[in-house]
Amino acid sequence: KCLAGRYSRHLDREIEPMKEVAVTVGASQALYLSLQTLIRPGDEVILFEPFFDLYVNQVKLAGGTPVFVPLTYVQDENENGDVLSGGEWILEEEKIQSAVSSKTRAIILNSPHNPTGK
């Protein structure tokens, strides 16, 4: 009830503690429970590469099929070719669109992206 009350005030809407609040021991368990609830055998789940290695097995345990969409790495350099930062991982809309099918049930998108931290 305490969490529901806090987030009801924060989100400016009433949250029902017995229907809308789930407490887990961490993100891995939360993702596992979510996938077990949402995914049926044959459903596809889109994962962005590189990805946290736990995702593939959690999708498979739920009966789903992972579909991989590679992110594009772009190095941040100046006009002299000097590296300015760690670069960026870019998500290209066309790659997502080509991966989505009638079997797509979920897309795992996390921020900051694990393992890149971007």
PDB file of N, CA and C in Angstrom:
ATOM      1  N   LYS A   1       0.819  -1.192   0.000  1.00  0.00           N
ATOM      2  CA  LYS A   1       0.000   0.000   0.000  1.00  0.00           C
ATOM      3  C   LYS A   1       0.864   1.257   0.000  1.00  0.00           C
ATOM      4  N   CYS A   2       1.981   1.174   0.690  1.00  0.00           N
ATOM      5  CA  CYS A   2       2.870   2.332   0.793  1.00  0.00           C
ATOM      6  C   CYS A   2       3.388   2.745  -0.591  1.00  0.00           C
ATOM      7  N   LEU A   3       3.850   1.769  -1.379  1.00  0.00           N
ATOM      8  CA  LEU A   3       4.346   2.077  -2.725  1.00  0.00           C
ATOM      9  C   LEU A   3       3.239   2.630  -3.613  1.00  0.00           C
ATOM     10  N   ALA A   4       2.065   2.041  -3.531  1.00  0.00           N
ATOM     11  CA  ALA A   4       0.939   2.516  -4.336  1.00  0.00           C
ATOM     12  C   ALA A   4       0.604   3.958  -3.973  1.00  0.00           C
ATOM     13  N   GLY A   5       0.617   4.275  -2.693  1.00  0.00           N
ATOM     14  CA  GLY A   5       0.338   5.645  -2.262  1.00  0.00           C
ATOM     15  C   GLY A   5       1.374   6.624  -2.770  1.00  0.00           C
ATOM     16  N   ARG A   6       2.632   6.234  -2.658  1.00  0.00           N
ATOM     17  CA  ARG A   6       3.715   7.118  -3.116  1.00  0.00           C
ATOM     18  C   ARG A   6       3.610   7.385  -4.614  1.00  0.00           C
ATOM     19  N   TYR A   7       3.432   6.320  -5.402  1.00  0.00           N
ATOM     20  CA  TYR A   7       3.388   6.500  -6.849  1.00  0.00           C
ATOM     21  C   TYR A   7       2.060   7.085  -7.324  1.00  0.00           C
ATOM     22  N   SER A   8       1.006   6.921  -6.561  1.00  0.00           N
ATOM     23  CA  SER A   8      -0.255   7.595  -6.893  1.00  0.00           C
ATOM     24  C   SER A   8      -0.048   9.104  -6.860  1.00  0.00           C
ATOM     25  N   ARG A   9       0.646   9.577  -5.831  1.00  0.00           N
ATOM     26  CA  ARG A   9       0.935  11.018  -5.738  1.00  0.00           C
ATOM     27  C   ARG A   9       1.895  11.453  -6.841  1.00  0.00           C
ATOM     28  N   HIS A  10       2.917  10.653  -7.087  1.00  0.00           N
ATOM     29  CA  HIS A  10       3.935  10.989  -8.084  1.00  0.00           C
ATOM     30  C   HIS A  10       3.355  11.027  -9.501  1.00  0.00           C
ATOM     31  N   LEU A  11       2.496  10.073  -9.820  1.00  0.00           N
ATOM     32  CA  LEU A  11       1.929   9.970 -11.165  1.00  0.00           C
ATOM     33  C   LEU A  11       0.598  10.700 -11.313  1.00  0.00           C
ATOM     34  N   ASP A  12       0.112  11.241 -10.209  1.00  0.00           N
ATOM     35  CA  ASP A  12      -1.145  11.985 -10.194  1.00  0.00           C
ATOM     36  C   ASP A  12      -2.318  11.142 -10.694  1.00  0.00           C
ATOM     37  N   ARG A  13      -2.342   9.879 -10.243  1.00  0.00           N
ATOM     38  CA  ARG A  13      -3.466   8.982 -10.517  1.00  0.00           C
ATOM     39  C   ARG A  13      -3.482   7.905  -9.448  1.00  0.00           C
ATOM     40  N   GLU A  14      -4.637   7.342  -9.214  1.00  0.00           N
ATOM     41  CA  GLU A  14      -4.788   6.313  -8.188  1.00  0.00           C
ATOM     42  C   GLU A  14      -4.232   4.977  -8.682  1.00  0.00           C
ATOM     43  N   ILE A  15      -3.356   4.380  -7.895  1.00  0.00           N
ATOM     44  CA  ILE A  15      -2.792   3.069  -8.212  1.00  0.00           C
ATOM     45  C   ILE A  15      -3.338   2.066  -7.206  1.00  0.00           C
ATOM     46  N   GLU A  16      -3.896   0.975  -7.712  1.00  0.00           N
ATOM     47  CA  GLU A  16      -4.451  -0.065  -6.854  1.00  0.00           C
ATOM     48  C   GLU A  16      -3.342  -1.033  -6.443  1.00  0.00           C
ATOM     49  N   PRO A  17      -3.017  -1.093  -5.155  1.00  0.00           N
ATOM     50  CA  PRO A  17      -1.870  -1.884  -4.715  1.00  0.00           C
ATOM     51  C   PRO A  17      -1.978  -3.380  -5.019  1.00  0.00           C
ATOM     52  N   MET A  18      -3.155  -3.953  -4.980  1.00  0.00           N
ATOM     53  CA  MET A  18      -3.288  -5.392  -5.197  1.00  0.00           C
ATOM     54  C   MET A  18      -3.386  -5.763  -6.679  1.00  0.00           C
ATOM     55  N   LYS A  19      -3.544  -4.783  -7.558  1.00  0.00           N
ATOM     56  CA  LYS A  19      -3.673  -5.054  -8.986  1.00  0.00           C
ATOM     57  C   LYS A  19      -2.541  -4.461  -9.820  1.00  0.00           C
ATOM     58  N   GLU A  20      -1.893  -3.413  -9.322  1.00  0.00           N
ATOM     59  CA  GLU A  20      -0.943  -2.681 -10.158  1.00  0.00           C
ATOM     60  C   GLU A  20       0.468  -2.584  -9.585  1.00  0.00           C
ATOM     61  N   VAL A  21       0.748  -3.260  -8.486  1.00  0.00           N
ATOM     62  CA  VAL A  21       2.075  -3.181  -7.879  1.00  0.00           C
ATOM     63  C   VAL A  21       2.642  -4.589  -7.741  1.00  0.00           C
ATOM     64  N   ALA A  22       3.857  -4.770  -8.229  1.00  0.00           N
ATOM     65  CA  ALA A  22       4.581  -6.028  -8.054  1.00  0.00           C
ATOM     66  C   ALA A  22       5.969  -5.690  -7.529  1.00  0.00           C
ATOM     67  N   VAL A  23       6.388  -6.392  -6.511  1.00  0.00           N
ATOM     68  CA  VAL A  23       7.710  -6.173  -5.933  1.00  0.00           C
ATOM     69  C   VAL A  23       8.548  -7.409  -6.226  1.00  0.00           C
ATOM     70  N   THR A  24       9.729  -7.200  -6.800  1.00  0.00           N
ATOM     71  CA  THR A  24      10.623  -8.311  -7.117  1.00  0.00           C
ATOM     72  C   THR A  24      11.964  -8.076  -6.434  1.00  0.00           C
ATOM     73  N   VAL A  25      12.824  -9.086  -6.486  1.00  0.00           N
ATOM     74  CA  VAL A  25      14.138  -8.964  -5.853  1.00  0.00           C
ATOM     75  C   VAL A  25      15.155  -8.291  -6.768  1.00  0.00           C
ATOM     76  N   GLY A  26      14.743  -7.907  -7.962  1.00  0.00           N
ATOM     77  CA  GLY A  26      15.651  -7.216  -8.868  1.00  0.00           C
ATOM     78  C   GLY A  26      15.127  -7.220 -10.289  1.00  0.00           C
ATOM     79  N   ALA A  27      15.882  -6.575 -11.160  1.00  0.00           N
ATOM     80  CA  ALA A  27      15.468  -6.432 -12.557  1.00  0.00           C
ATOM     81  C   ALA A  27      15.399  -7.774 -13.277  1.00  0.00           C
ATOM     82  N   SER A  28      16.319  -8.680 -12.983  1.00  0.00           N
ATOM     83  CA  SER A  28      16.316  -9.986 -13.660  1.00  0.00           C
ATOM     84  C   SER A  28      15.047 -10.761 -13.344  1.00  0.00           C
ATOM     85  N   GLN A  29      14.650 -10.770 -12.086  1.00  0.00           N
ATOM     86  CA  GLN A  29      13.421 -11.471 -11.725  1.00  0.00           C
ATOM     87  C   GLN A  29      12.205 -10.769 -12.319  1.00  0.00           C
ATOM     88  N   ALA A  30      12.211  -9.454 -12.333  1.00  0.00           N
ATOM     89  CA  ALA A  30      11.086  -8.710 -12.904  1.00  0.00           C
ATOM     90  C   ALA A  30      10.929  -9.028 -14.390  1.00  0.00           C
ATOM     91  N   LEU A  31      12.046  -9.066 -15.113  1.00  0.00           N
ATOM     92  CA  LEU A  31      11.988  -9.392 -16.540  1.00  0.00           C
ATOM     93  C   LEU A  31      11.527 -10.838 -16.739  1.00  0.00           C
ATOM     94  N   TYR A  32      12.066 -11.751 -15.943  1.00  0.00           N
ATOM     95  CA  TYR A  32      11.673 -13.158 -16.038  1.00  0.00           C
ATOM     96  C   TYR A  32      10.164 -13.318 -15.842  1.00  0.00           C
ATOM     97  N   LEU A  33       9.642 -12.718 -14.791  1.00  0.00           N
ATOM     98  CA  LEU A  33       8.211 -12.831 -14.509  1.00  0.00           C
ATOM     99  C   LEU A  33       7.370 -12.183 -15.609  1.00  0.00           C
ATOM    100  N   SER A  34       7.835 -11.058 -16.124  1.00  0.00           N
ATOM    101  CA  SER A  34       7.109 -10.386 -17.207  1.00  0.00           C
ATOM    102  C   SER A  34       7.058 -11.259 -18.455  1.00  0.00           C
ATOM    103  N   LEU A  35       8.200 -11.840 -18.824  1.00  0.00           N
ATOM    104  CA  LEU A  35       8.235 -12.692 -20.015  1.00  0.00           C
ATOM    105  C   LEU A  35       7.402 -13.954 -19.819  1.00  0.00           C
ATOM    106  N   GLN A  36       7.464 -14.553 -18.637  1.00  0.00           N
ATOM    107  CA  GLN A  36       6.662 -15.747 -18.367  1.00  0.00           C
ATOM    108  C   GLN A  36       5.170 -15.441 -18.471  1.00  0.00           C
ATOM    109  N   THR A  37       4.806 -14.224 -18.135  1.00  0.00           N
ATOM    110  CA  THR A  37       3.403 -13.816 -18.184  1.00  0.00           C
ATOM    111  C   THR A  37       2.950 -13.480 -19.604  1.00  0.00           C
ATOM    112  N   LEU A  38       3.810 -12.820 -20.372  1.00  0.00           N
ATOM    113  CA  LEU A  38       3.417 -12.285 -21.676  1.00  0.00           C
ATOM    114  C   LEU A  38       3.644 -13.223 -22.859  1.00  0.00           C
ATOM    115  N   ILE A  39       4.699 -14.026 -22.812  1.00  0.00           N
ATOM    116  CA  ILE A  39       5.132 -14.786 -23.987  1.00  0.00           C
ATOM    117  C   ILE A  39       4.483 -16.167 -24.020  1.00  0.00           C
ATOM    118  N   ARG A  40       4.010 -16.518 -25.219  1.00  0.00           N
ATOM    119  CA  ARG A  40       3.465 -17.853 -25.462  1.00  0.00           C
ATOM    120  C   ARG A  40       4.379 -18.562 -26.465  1.00  0.00           C
ATOM    121  N   PRO A  41       4.367 -19.889 -26.478  1.00  0.00           N
ATOM    122  CA  PRO A  41       5.217 -20.609 -27.436  1.00  0.00           C
ATOM    123  C   PRO A  41       5.003 -20.096 -28.863  1.00  0.00           C
ATOM    124  N   GLY A  42       6.116 -19.815 -29.535  1.00  0.00           N
ATOM    125  CA  GLY A  42       6.063 -19.317 -30.904  1.00  0.00           C
ATOM    126  C   GLY A  42       6.108 -17.801 -31.025  1.00  0.00           C
ATOM    127  N   ASP A  43       5.868 -17.088 -29.922  1.00  0.00           N
ATOM    128  CA  ASP A  43       5.959 -15.627 -29.960  1.00  0.00           C
ATOM    129  C   ASP A  43       7.411 -15.206 -30.168  1.00  0.00           C
ATOM    130  N   GLU A  44       7.584 -14.075 -30.825  1.00  0.00           N
ATOM    131  CA  GLU A  44       8.924 -13.534 -31.041  1.00  0.00           C
ATOM    132  C   GLU A  44       9.156 -12.331 -30.130  1.00  0.00           C
ATOM    133  N   VAL A  45      10.404 -12.219 -29.675  1.00  0.00           N
ATOM    134  CA  VAL A  45      10.807 -11.102 -28.826  1.00  0.00           C
ATOM    135  C   VAL A  45      12.035 -10.461 -29.459  1.00  0.00           C
ATOM    136  N   ILE A  46      11.951  -9.175 -29.737  1.00  0.00           N
ATOM    137  CA  ILE A  46      13.059  -8.461 -30.365  1.00  0.00           C
ATOM    138  C   ILE A  46      14.071  -8.047 -29.304  1.00  0.00           C
ATOM    139  N   LEU A  47      15.347  -8.350 -29.593  1.00  0.00           N
ATOM    140  CA  LEU A  47      16.468  -7.983 -28.728  1.00  0.00           C
ATOM    141  C   LEU A  47      17.457  -7.161 -29.545  1.00  0.00           C
ATOM    142  N   PHE A  48      17.951  -6.087 -28.966  1.00  0.00           N
ATOM    143  CA  PHE A  48      18.923  -5.244 -29.648  1.00  0.00           C
ATOM    144  C   PHE A  48      20.334  -5.700 -29.297  1.00  0.00           C
ATOM    145  N   GLU A  49      21.150  -5.948 -30.343  1.00  0.00           N
ATOM    146  CA  GLU A  49      22.532  -6.405 -30.156  1.00  0.00           C
ATOM    147  C   GLU A  49      23.481  -5.218 -30.153  1.00  0.00           C
ATOM    148  N   PRO A  50      24.455  -5.177 -29.243  1.00  0.00           N
ATOM    149  CA  PRO A  50      24.738  -6.174 -28.217  1.00  0.00           C
ATOM    150  C   PRO A  50      23.699  -6.114 -27.103  1.00  0.00           C
ATOM    151  N   PHE A  51      23.520  -7.231 -26.421  1.00  0.00           N
ATOM    152  CA  PHE A  51      22.514  -7.299 -25.363  1.00  0.00           C
ATOM    153  C   PHE A  51      23.077  -8.058 -24.170  1.00  0.00           C
ATOM    154  N   PHE A  52      22.428  -7.889 -23.043  1.00  0.00           N
ATOM    155  CA  PHE A  52      22.780  -8.608 -21.826  1.00  0.00           C
ATOM    156  C   PHE A  52      22.472 -10.083 -22.051  1.00  0.00           C
ATOM    157  N   ASP A  53      23.433 -10.961 -21.783  1.00  0.00           N
ATOM    158  CA  ASP A  53      23.301 -12.377 -22.135  1.00  0.00           C
ATOM    159  C   ASP A  53      22.113 -13.085 -21.489  1.00  0.00           C
ATOM    160  N   LEU A  54      21.596 -12.562 -20.428  1.00  0.00           N
ATOM    161  CA  LEU A  54      20.454 -13.167 -19.743  1.00  0.00           C
ATOM    162  C   LEU A  54      19.182 -13.153 -20.595  1.00  0.00           C
ATOM    163  N   TYR A  55      19.046 -12.157 -21.467  1.00  0.00           N
ATOM    164  CA  TYR A  55      17.803 -11.969 -22.218  1.00  0.00           C
ATOM    165  C   TYR A  55      17.444 -13.168 -23.091  1.00  0.00           C
ATOM    166  N   VAL A  56      18.405 -13.716 -23.812  1.00  0.00           N
ATOM    167  CA  VAL A  56      18.115 -14.812 -24.742  1.00  0.00           C
ATOM    168  C   VAL A  56      17.511 -16.004 -24.013  1.00  0.00           C
ATOM    169  N   ASN A  57      18.136 -16.421 -22.933  1.00  0.00           N
ATOM    170  CA  ASN A  57      17.639 -17.594 -22.209  1.00  0.00           C
ATOM    171  C   ASN A  57      16.300 -17.335 -21.540  1.00  0.00           C
ATOM    172  N   GLN A  58      16.074 -16.118 -21.072  1.00  0.00           N
ATOM    173  CA  GLN A  58      14.776 -15.822 -20.470  1.00  0.00           C
ATOM    174  C   GLN A  58      13.665 -15.880 -21.518  1.00  0.00           C
ATOM    175  N   VAL A  59      13.943 -15.394 -22.712  1.00  0.00           N
ATOM    176  CA  VAL A  59      12.958 -15.476 -23.799  1.00  0.00           C
ATOM    177  C   VAL A  59      12.684 -16.939 -24.138  1.00  0.00           C
ATOM    178  N   LYS A  60      13.748 -17.737 -24.264  1.00  0.00           N
ATOM    179  CA  LYS A  60      13.587 -19.154 -24.605  1.00  0.00           C
ATOM    180  C   LYS A  60      12.855 -19.922 -23.507  1.00  0.00           C
ATOM    181  N   LEU A  61      13.154 -19.630 -22.242  1.00  0.00           N
ATOM    182  CA  LEU A  61      12.459 -20.294 -21.132  1.00  0.00           C
ATOM    183  C   LEU A  61      10.958 -20.021 -21.163  1.00  0.00           C
ATOM    184  N   ALA A  62      10.589 -18.856 -21.659  1.00  0.00           N
ATOM    185  CA  ALA A  62       9.174 -18.495 -21.746  1.00  0.00           C
ATOM    186  C   ALA A  62       8.508 -19.107 -22.980  1.00  0.00           C
ATOM    187  N   GLY A  63       9.293 -19.780 -23.830  1.00  0.00           N
ATOM    188  CA  GLY A  63       8.745 -20.391 -25.036  1.00  0.00           C
ATOM    189  C   GLY A  63       8.839 -19.499 -26.256  1.00  0.00           C
ATOM    190  N   GLY A  64       9.499 -18.363 -26.110  1.00  0.00           N
ATOM    191  CA  GLY A  64       9.606 -17.420 -27.216  1.00  0.00           C
ATOM    192  C   GLY A  64      10.829 -17.651 -28.075  1.00  0.00           C
ATOM    193  N   THR A  65      10.851 -16.934 -29.185  1.00  0.00           N
ATOM    194  CA  THR A  65      11.969 -16.978 -30.118  1.00  0.00           C
ATOM    195  C   THR A  65      12.619 -15.603 -30.159  1.00  0.00           C
ATOM    196  N   PRO A  66      13.909 -15.515 -29.814  1.00  0.00           N
ATOM    197  CA  PRO A  66      14.572 -14.215 -29.894  1.00  0.00           C
ATOM    198  C   PRO A  66      14.808 -13.805 -31.348  1.00  0.00           C
ATOM    199  N   VAL A  67      14.579 -12.535 -31.633  1.00  0.00           N
ATOM    200  CA  VAL A  67      14.860 -11.958 -32.951  1.00  0.00           C
ATOM    201  C   VAL A  67      15.868 -10.838 -32.705  1.00  0.00           C
ATOM    202  N   PHE A  68      17.001 -10.917 -33.375  1.00  0.00           N
ATOM    203  CA  PHE A  68      18.101 -10.005 -33.093  1.00  0.00           C
ATOM    204  C   PHE A  68      18.128  -8.831 -34.064  1.00  0.00           C
ATOM    205  N   VAL A  69      18.232  -7.630 -33.500  1.00  0.00           N
ATOM    206  CA  VAL A  69      18.349  -6.405 -34.290  1.00  0.00           C
ATOM    207  C   VAL A  69      19.657  -5.737 -33.868  1.00  0.00           C
ATOM    208  N   PRO A  70      20.638  -5.692 -34.780  1.00  0.00           N
ATOM    209  CA  PRO A  70      21.924  -5.096 -34.404  1.00  0.00           C
ATOM    210  C   PRO A  70      21.855  -3.572 -34.328  1.00  0.00           C
ATOM    211  N   LEU A  71      22.454  -3.035 -33.273  1.00  0.00           N
ATOM    212  CA  LEU A  71      22.646  -1.591 -33.186  1.00  0.00           C
ATOM    213  C   LEU A  71      23.872  -1.238 -34.022  1.00  0.00           C
ATOM    214  N   THR A  72      23.930  -0.028 -34.527  1.00  0.00           N
ATOM    215  CA  THR A  72      25.063   0.426 -35.331  1.00  0.00           C
ATOM    216  C   THR A  72      25.963   1.291 -34.461  1.00  0.00           C
ATOM    217  N   TYR A  73      27.247   0.937 -34.420  1.00  0.00           N
ATOM    218  CA  TYR A  73      28.203   1.712 -33.622  1.00  0.00           C
ATOM    219  C   TYR A  73      28.794   2.829 -34.472  1.00  0.00           C
ATOM    220  N   VAL A  74      28.781   4.047 -33.937  1.00  0.00           N
ATOM    221  CA  VAL A  74      29.342   5.208 -34.622  1.00  0.00           C
ATOM    222  C   VAL A  74      30.392   5.828 -33.702  1.00  0.00           C
ATOM    223  N   GLN A  75      31.641   5.819 -34.158  1.00  0.00           N
ATOM    224  CA  GLN A  75      32.743   6.408 -33.388  1.00  0.00           C
ATOM    225  C   GLN A  75      32.664   7.924 -33.468  1.00  0.00           C
ATOM    226  N   ASP A  76      32.842   8.598 -32.347  1.00  0.00           N
ATOM    227  CA  ASP A  76      32.801  10.058 -32.296  1.00  0.00           C
ATOM    228  C   ASP A  76      34.217  10.596 -32.493  1.00  0.00           C
ATOM    229  N   GLU A  77      34.471  11.177 -33.675  1.00  0.00           N
ATOM    230  CA  GLU A  77      35.801  11.697 -34.005  1.00  0.00           C
ATOM    231  C   GLU A  77      35.694  13.132 -34.511  1.00  0.00           C
ATOM    232  N   ASN A  78      36.792  13.877 -34.381  1.00  0.00           N
ATOM    233  CA  ASN A  78      36.815  15.216 -34.975  1.00  0.00           C
ATOM    234  C   ASN A  78      37.324  15.126 -36.409  1.00  0.00           C
ATOM    235  N   GLU A  79      37.485  16.277 -37.065  1.00  0.00           N
ATOM    236  CA  GLU A  79      37.891  16.282 -38.477  1.00  0.00           C
ATOM    237  C   GLU A  79      39.293  15.722 -38.705  1.00  0.00           C
ATOM    238  N   ASN A  80      40.127  15.644 -37.653  1.00  0.00           N
ATOM    239  CA  ASN A  80      41.477  15.078 -37.767  1.00  0.00           C
ATOM    240  C   ASN A  80      41.503  13.576 -37.501  1.00  0.00           C
ATOM    241  N   GLY A  81      40.343  13.017 -37.192  1.00  0.00           N
ATOM    242  CA  GLY A  81      40.278  11.586 -36.897  1.00  0.00           C
ATOM    243  C   GLY A  81      40.576  11.244 -35.449  1.00  0.00           C
ATOM    244  N   ASP A  82      40.706  12.275 -34.600  1.00  0.00           N
ATOM    245  CA  ASP A  82      40.950  12.031 -33.179  1.00  0.00           C
ATOM    246  C   ASP A  82      39.656  11.573 -32.516  1.00  0.00           C
ATOM    247  N   VAL A  83      39.753  10.542 -31.696  1.00  0.00           N
ATOM    248  CA  VAL A  83      38.582  10.035 -30.983  1.00  0.00           C
ATOM    249  C   VAL A  83      38.210  11.020 -29.885  1.00  0.00           C
ATOM    250  N   LEU A  84      36.946  11.449 -29.881  1.00  0.00           N
ATOM    251  CA  LEU A  84      36.479  12.434 -28.912  1.00  0.00           C
ATOM    252  C   LEU A  84      35.761  11.813 -27.723  1.00  0.00           C
ATOM    253  N   SER A  85      35.137  10.659 -27.945  1.00  0.00           N
ATOM    254  CA  SER A  85      34.402  10.008 -26.856  1.00  0.00           C
ATOM    255  C   SER A  85      34.288   8.528 -27.167  1.00  0.00           C
ATOM    256  N   GLY A  86      33.518   7.831 -26.353  1.00  0.00           N
ATOM    257  CA  GLY A  86      33.324   6.397 -26.548  1.00  0.00           C
ATOM    258  C   GLY A  86      32.407   6.056 -27.702  1.00  0.00           C
ATOM    259  N   GLY A  87      31.901   7.063 -28.396  1.00  0.00           N
ATOM    260  CA  GLY A  87      31.021   6.805 -29.527  1.00  0.00           C
ATOM    261  C   GLY A  87      29.590   6.558 -29.098  1.00  0.00           C
ATOM    262  N   GLU A  88      28.773   6.167 -30.063  1.00  0.00           N
ATOM    263  CA  GLU A  88      27.351   5.947 -29.806  1.00  0.00           C
ATOM    264  C   GLU A  88      26.878   4.680 -30.492  1.00  0.00           C
ATOM    265  N   TRP A  89      25.873   4.063 -29.900  1.00  0.00           N
ATOM    266  CA  TRP A  89      25.172   2.945 -30.521  1.00  0.00           C
ATOM    267  C   TRP A  89      23.854   3.501 -31.035  1.00  0.00           C
ATOM    268  N   ILE A  90      23.610   3.340 -32.319  1.00  0.00           N
ATOM    269  CA  ILE A  90      22.438   3.917 -32.966  1.00  0.00           C
ATOM    270  C   ILE A  90      21.422   2.818 -33.282  1.00  0.00           C
ATOM    271  N   LEU A  91      20.173   3.089 -32.974  1.00  0.00           N
ATOM    272  CA  LEU A  91      19.073   2.187 -33.296  1.00  0.00           C
ATOM    273  C   LEU A  91      18.418   2.704 -34.570  1.00  0.00           C
ATOM    274  N   GLU A  92      18.501   1.922 -35.630  1.00  0.00           N
ATOM    275  CA  GLU A  92      17.972   2.349 -36.921  1.00  0.00           C
ATOM    276  C   GLU A  92      16.544   1.838 -37.109  1.00  0.00           C
ATOM    277  N   GLU A  93      15.642   2.763 -37.395  1.00  0.00           N
ATOM    278  CA  GLU A  93      14.220   2.450 -37.507  1.00  0.00           C
ATOM    279  C   GLU A  93      13.950   1.349 -38.536  1.00  0.00           C
ATOM    280  N   GLU A  94      14.665   1.375 -39.647  1.00  0.00           N
ATOM    281  CA  GLU A  94      14.433   0.382 -40.702  1.00  0.00           C
ATOM    282  C   GLU A  94      14.719  -1.038 -40.210  1.00  0.00           C
ATOM    283  N   LYS A  95      15.738  -1.174 -39.371  1.00  0.00           N
ATOM    284  CA  LYS A  95      16.086  -2.505 -38.857  1.00  0.00           C
ATOM    285  C   LYS A  95      14.993  -3.033 -37.925  1.00  0.00           C
ATOM    286  N   ILE A  96      14.411  -2.146 -37.138  1.00  0.00           N
ATOM    287  CA  ILE A  96      13.314  -2.569 -36.258  1.00  0.00           C
ATOM    288  C   ILE A  96      12.112  -2.976 -37.106  1.00  0.00           C
ATOM    289  N   GLN A  97      11.768  -2.134 -38.073  1.00  0.00           N
ATOM    290  CA  GLN A  97      10.602  -2.418 -38.910  1.00  0.00           C
ATOM    291  C   GLN A  97      10.736  -3.750 -39.636  1.00  0.00           C
ATOM    292  N   SER A  98      11.939  -4.069 -40.098  1.00  0.00           N
ATOM    293  CA  SER A  98      12.113  -5.332 -40.817  1.00  0.00           C
ATOM    294  C   SER A  98      12.086  -6.535 -39.873  1.00  0.00           C
ATOM    295  N   ALA A  99      12.343  -6.316 -38.587  1.00  0.00           N
ATOM    296  CA  ALA A  99      12.338  -7.420 -37.620  1.00  0.00           C
ATOM    297  C   ALA A  99      10.940  -7.716 -37.075  1.00  0.00           C
ATOM    298  N   VAL A 100      10.073  -6.727 -37.082  1.00  0.00           N
ATOM    299  CA  VAL A 100       8.726  -6.906 -36.536  1.00  0.00           C
ATOM    300  C   VAL A 100       7.890  -7.751 -37.491  1.00  0.00           C
ATOM    301  N   SER A 101       7.191  -8.726 -36.913  1.00  0.00           N
ATOM    302  CA  SER A 101       6.311  -9.580 -37.711  1.00  0.00           C
ATOM    303  C   SER A 101       5.001  -9.780 -36.955  1.00  0.00           C
ATOM    304  N   SER A 102       4.123 -10.554 -37.535  1.00  0.00           N
ATOM    305  CA  SER A 102       2.848 -10.844 -36.868  1.00  0.00           C
ATOM    306  C   SER A 102       3.058 -11.680 -35.604  1.00  0.00           C
ATOM    307  N   LYS A 103       4.242 -12.286 -35.467  1.00  0.00           N
ATOM    308  CA  LYS A 103       4.551 -13.091 -34.278  1.00  0.00           C
ATOM    309  C   LYS A 103       5.227 -12.280 -33.172  1.00  0.00           C
ATOM    310  N   THR A 104       5.570 -11.024 -33.452  1.00  0.00           N
ATOM    311  CA  THR A 104       6.253 -10.197 -32.449  1.00  0.00           C
ATOM    312  C   THR A 104       5.313  -9.923 -31.286  1.00  0.00           C
ATOM    313  N   ARG A 105       5.763 -10.300 -30.107  1.00  0.00           N
ATOM    314  CA  ARG A 105       4.954 -10.104 -28.899  1.00  0.00           C
ATOM    315  C   ARG A 105       5.574  -9.049 -27.986  1.00  0.00           C
ATOM    316  N   ALA A 106       6.907  -8.890 -28.064  1.00  0.00           N
ATOM    317  CA  ALA A 106       7.572  -7.950 -27.162  1.00  0.00           C
ATOM    318  C   ALA A 106       8.869  -7.449 -27.784  1.00  0.00           C
ATOM    319  N   ILE A 107       9.279  -6.282 -27.327  1.00  0.00           N
ATOM    320  CA  ILE A 107      10.582  -5.708 -27.656  1.00  0.00           C
ATOM    321  C   ILE A 107      11.232  -5.352 -26.327  1.00  0.00           C
ATOM    322  N   ILE A 108      12.409  -5.906 -26.075  1.00  0.00           N
ATOM    323  CA  ILE A 108      13.116  -5.569 -24.838  1.00  0.00           C
ATOM    324  C   ILE A 108      14.002  -4.364 -25.124  1.00  0.00           C
ATOM    325  N   LEU A 109      13.653  -3.272 -24.482  1.00  0.00           N
ATOM    326  CA  LEU A 109      14.384  -2.014 -24.637  1.00  0.00           C
ATOM    327  C   LEU A 109      14.718  -1.513 -23.245  1.00  0.00           C
ATOM    328  N   ASN A 110      15.989  -1.391 -22.956  1.00  0.00           N
ATOM    329  CA  ASN A 110      16.380  -0.900 -21.639  1.00  0.00           C
ATOM    330  C   ASN A 110      17.299   0.307 -21.776  1.00  0.00           C
ATOM    331  N   SER A 111      17.218   1.180 -20.800  1.00  0.00           N
ATOM    332  CA  SER A 111      18.016   2.394 -20.824  1.00  0.00           C
ATOM    333  C   SER A 111      18.488   2.703 -19.406  1.00  0.00           C
ATOM    334  N   PRO A 112      19.788   2.876 -19.188  1.00  0.00           N
ATOM    335  CA  PRO A 112      20.816   2.813 -20.219  1.00  0.00           C
ATOM    336  C   PRO A 112      20.955   1.391 -20.747  1.00  0.00           C
ATOM    337  N   HIS A 113      21.379   1.295 -21.990  1.00  0.00           N
ATOM    338  CA  HIS A 113      21.488   0.005 -22.655  1.00  0.00           C
ATOM    339  C   HIS A 113      22.536  -0.853 -21.961  1.00  0.00           C
ATOM    340  N   ASN A 114      22.177  -2.085 -21.662  1.00  0.00           N
ATOM    341  CA  ASN A 114      23.094  -3.034 -21.058  1.00  0.00           C
ATOM    342  C   ASN A 114      23.541  -3.977 -22.166  1.00  0.00           C
ATOM    343  N   PRO A 115      24.771  -4.111 -22.539  1.00  0.00           N
ATOM    344  CA  PRO A 115      25.965  -3.827 -21.757  1.00  0.00           C
ATOM    345  C   PRO A 115      26.712  -2.549 -22.131  1.00  0.00           C
ATOM    346  N   THR A 116      26.216  -1.751 -23.074  1.00  0.00           N
ATOM    347  CA  THR A 116      27.015  -0.614 -23.546  1.00  0.00           C
ATOM    348  C   THR A 116      27.004   0.577 -22.602  1.00  0.00           C
ATOM    349  N   GLY A 117      25.963   0.696 -21.784  1.00  0.00           N
ATOM    350  CA  GLY A 117      25.872   1.833 -20.882  1.00  0.00           C
ATOM    351  C   GLY A 117      25.459   3.119 -21.566  1.00  0.00           C
ATOM    352  N   LYS A 118      25.095   3.036 -22.828  1.00  0.00           N
ATOM    353  CA  LYS A 118      24.709   4.234 -23.599  1.00  0.00           C
ATOM    354  C   LYS A 118      23.211   4.411 -23.589  1.00  0.00           C
TER     355      LYS A 118
END
